[in-house]
Amino acid sequence: MLCPLKLNSTRQPSLVQFLGLTVIALERMRQRGTGPAFYRVGGGRLRSRIGYRKNGVETWLAGRRVLRSSEQARQCANSFARD
């Protein structure tokens, strides 16, 4: 179970600060489909606001959980071995 997020807002600026990412990094993650689920609200594609649900961010973070760096390396090696 995750500790409750201390995320003040579900808007992009707060999430960027919370995760320690840049706005550009979060935008690229959205484009690639590798970031947390998001909502585009109002104004069309260029003028819309991006929002995130707290539970969506928690789910995304839970899927990125690694117990130790050697575990991550082992998972990577296993994926190459299957190819």
C-alpha atoms as a PDB file:
ATOM      1  CA  MET A   1       0.000   0.000   0.000  1.00  0.00           C
ATOM      2  CA  LEU A   2       1.317   3.425  -0.919  1.00  0.00           C
ATOM      3  CA  CYS A   3       1.705   6.234   1.563  1.00  0.00           C
ATOM      4  CA  PRO A   4      -0.838   8.967   0.835  1.00  0.00           C
ATOM      5  CA  LEU A   5       0.467  11.414  -1.731  1.00  0.00           C
ATOM      6  CA  LYS A   6       1.124  14.909  -0.517  1.00  0.00           C
ATOM      7  CA  LEU A   7       0.007  16.319  -3.814  1.00  0.00           C
ATOM      8  CA  ASN A   8      -1.690  19.686  -3.396  1.00  0.00           C
ATOM      9  CA  SER A   9      -3.394  19.751  -6.760  1.00  0.00           C
ATOM     10  CA  THR A  10      -4.046  17.431  -9.642  1.00  0.00           C
ATOM     11  CA  ARG A  11      -2.862  20.066 -12.130  1.00  0.00           C
ATOM     12  CA  GLN A  12       0.308  19.640 -14.153  1.00  0.00           C
ATOM     13  CA  PRO A  13       2.473  22.227 -12.298  1.00  0.00           C
ATOM     14  CA  SER A  14       1.894  20.504  -8.944  1.00  0.00           C
ATOM     15  CA  LEU A  15       2.545  17.057 -10.369  1.00  0.00           C
ATOM     16  CA  VAL A  16       5.760  18.195 -12.039  1.00  0.00           C
ATOM     17  CA  GLN A  17       7.001  19.602  -8.745  1.00  0.00           C
ATOM     18  CA  PHE A  18       5.913  16.517  -6.786  1.00  0.00           C
ATOM     19  CA  LEU A  19       7.626  14.076  -9.168  1.00  0.00           C
ATOM     20  CA  GLY A  20      10.709  16.236  -9.699  1.00  0.00           C
ATOM     21  CA  LEU A  21      10.240  16.249 -13.464  1.00  0.00           C
ATOM     22  CA  THR A  22      10.245  19.033 -16.011  1.00  0.00           C
ATOM     23  CA  VAL A  23       7.073  20.063 -17.816  1.00  0.00           C
ATOM     24  CA  ILE A  24       8.635  18.826 -21.074  1.00  0.00           C
ATOM     25  CA  ALA A  25       9.412  15.410 -19.563  1.00  0.00           C
ATOM     26  CA  LEU A  26       5.814  15.029 -18.372  1.00  0.00           C
ATOM     27  CA  GLU A  27       4.498  16.149 -21.790  1.00  0.00           C
ATOM     28  CA  ARG A  28       6.664  13.538 -23.522  1.00  0.00           C
ATOM     29  CA  MET A  29       5.425  10.874 -21.146  1.00  0.00           C
ATOM     30  CA  ARG A  30       1.834  11.839 -22.033  1.00  0.00           C
ATOM     31  CA  GLN A  31       2.629  11.667 -25.765  1.00  0.00           C
ATOM     32  CA  ARG A  32       4.254   8.251 -25.417  1.00  0.00           C
ATOM     33  CA  GLY A  33       1.598   6.895 -23.077  1.00  0.00           C
ATOM     34  CA  THR A  34       4.161   6.155 -20.359  1.00  0.00           C
ATOM     35  CA  GLY A  35       2.998   8.663 -17.739  1.00  0.00           C
ATOM     36  CA  PRO A  36       0.021   8.704 -15.413  1.00  0.00           C
ATOM     37  CA  ALA A  37      -3.475   8.801 -16.890  1.00  0.00           C
ATOM     38  CA  PHE A  38      -4.609  12.373 -17.507  1.00  0.00           C
ATOM     39  CA  TYR A  39      -7.595  14.457 -18.496  1.00  0.00           C
ATOM     40  CA  ARG A  40      -7.701  17.214 -21.077  1.00  0.00           C
ATOM     41  CA  VAL A  41     -10.317  19.781 -20.081  1.00  0.00           C
ATOM     42  CA  GLY A  42     -11.735  22.599 -22.226  1.00  0.00           C
ATOM     43  CA  GLY A  43     -10.372  24.877 -24.906  1.00  0.00           C
ATOM     44  CA  GLY A  44      -9.346  22.371 -27.554  1.00  0.00           C
ATOM     45  CA  ARG A  45      -5.988  20.718 -28.014  1.00  0.00           C
ATOM     46  CA  LEU A  46      -3.747  23.798 -27.700  1.00  0.00           C
ATOM     47  CA  ARG A  47      -5.634  25.742 -25.038  1.00  0.00           C
ATOM     48  CA  SER A  48      -6.872  22.910 -22.852  1.00  0.00           C
ATOM     49  CA  ARG A  49      -5.777  22.277 -19.300  1.00  0.00           C
ATOM     50  CA  ILE A  50      -4.266  18.996 -18.258  1.00  0.00           C
ATOM     51  CA  GLY A  51      -5.392  17.373 -15.018  1.00  0.00           C
ATOM     52  CA  TYR A  52      -4.575  14.182 -13.148  1.00  0.00           C
ATOM     53  CA  ARG A  53      -6.539  12.185 -10.603  1.00  0.00           C
ATOM     54  CA  LYS A  54      -4.672  11.435  -7.417  1.00  0.00           C
ATOM     55  CA  ASN A  55      -5.549   7.725  -7.550  1.00  0.00           C
ATOM     56  CA  GLY A  56      -4.339   7.571 -11.173  1.00  0.00           C
ATOM     57  CA  VAL A  57      -0.964   8.963 -10.124  1.00  0.00           C
ATOM     58  CA  GLU A  58      -0.816   6.489  -7.211  1.00  0.00           C
ATOM     59  CA  THR A  59      -1.587   3.593  -9.580  1.00  0.00           C
ATOM     60  CA  TRP A  60       1.087   4.750 -12.030  1.00  0.00           C
ATOM     61  CA  LEU A  61       3.658   5.068  -9.242  1.00  0.00           C
ATOM     62  CA  ALA A  62       2.780   1.608  -7.895  1.00  0.00           C
ATOM     63  CA  GLY A  63       3.473   0.147 -11.344  1.00  0.00           C
ATOM     64  CA  ARG A  64       6.946   1.710 -11.313  1.00  0.00           C
ATOM     65  CA  ARG A  65       7.907   0.290  -7.917  1.00  0.00           C
ATOM     66  CA  VAL A  66      11.339  -1.330  -7.704  1.00  0.00           C
ATOM     67  CA  LEU A  67      12.627  -2.834  -4.469  1.00  0.00           C
ATOM     68  CA  ARG A  68      16.305  -2.434  -5.356  1.00  0.00           C
ATOM     69  CA  SER A  69      18.353  -1.526  -8.399  1.00  0.00           C
ATOM     70  CA  SER A  70      19.652  -5.089  -8.869  1.00  0.00           C
ATOM     71  CA  GLU A  71      16.038  -6.244  -9.259  1.00  0.00           C
ATOM     72  CA  GLN A  72      15.527  -3.750 -12.066  1.00  0.00           C
ATOM     73  CA  ALA A  73      18.703  -4.922 -13.825  1.00  0.00           C
ATOM     74  CA  ARG A  74      17.602  -8.559 -13.487  1.00  0.00           C
ATOM     75  CA  GLN A  75      14.178  -7.779 -14.986  1.00  0.00           C
ATOM     76  CA  CYS A  76      15.853  -5.989 -17.892  1.00  0.00           C
ATOM     77  CA  ALA A  77      18.229  -8.931 -18.486  1.00  0.00           C
ATOM     78  CA  ASN A  78      15.315 -11.385 -18.386  1.00  0.00           C
ATOM     79  CA  SER A  79      13.405  -9.387 -20.977  1.00  0.00           C
ATOM     80  CA  PHE A  80      16.405  -9.485 -23.341  1.00  0.00           C
ATOM     81  CA  ALA A  81      16.798 -13.223 -22.810  1.00  0.00           C
ATOM     82  CA  ARG A  82      13.205 -13.815 -23.964  1.00  0.00           C
ATOM     83  CA  ASP A  83      13.705 -11.895 -27.239  1.00  0.00           C
END
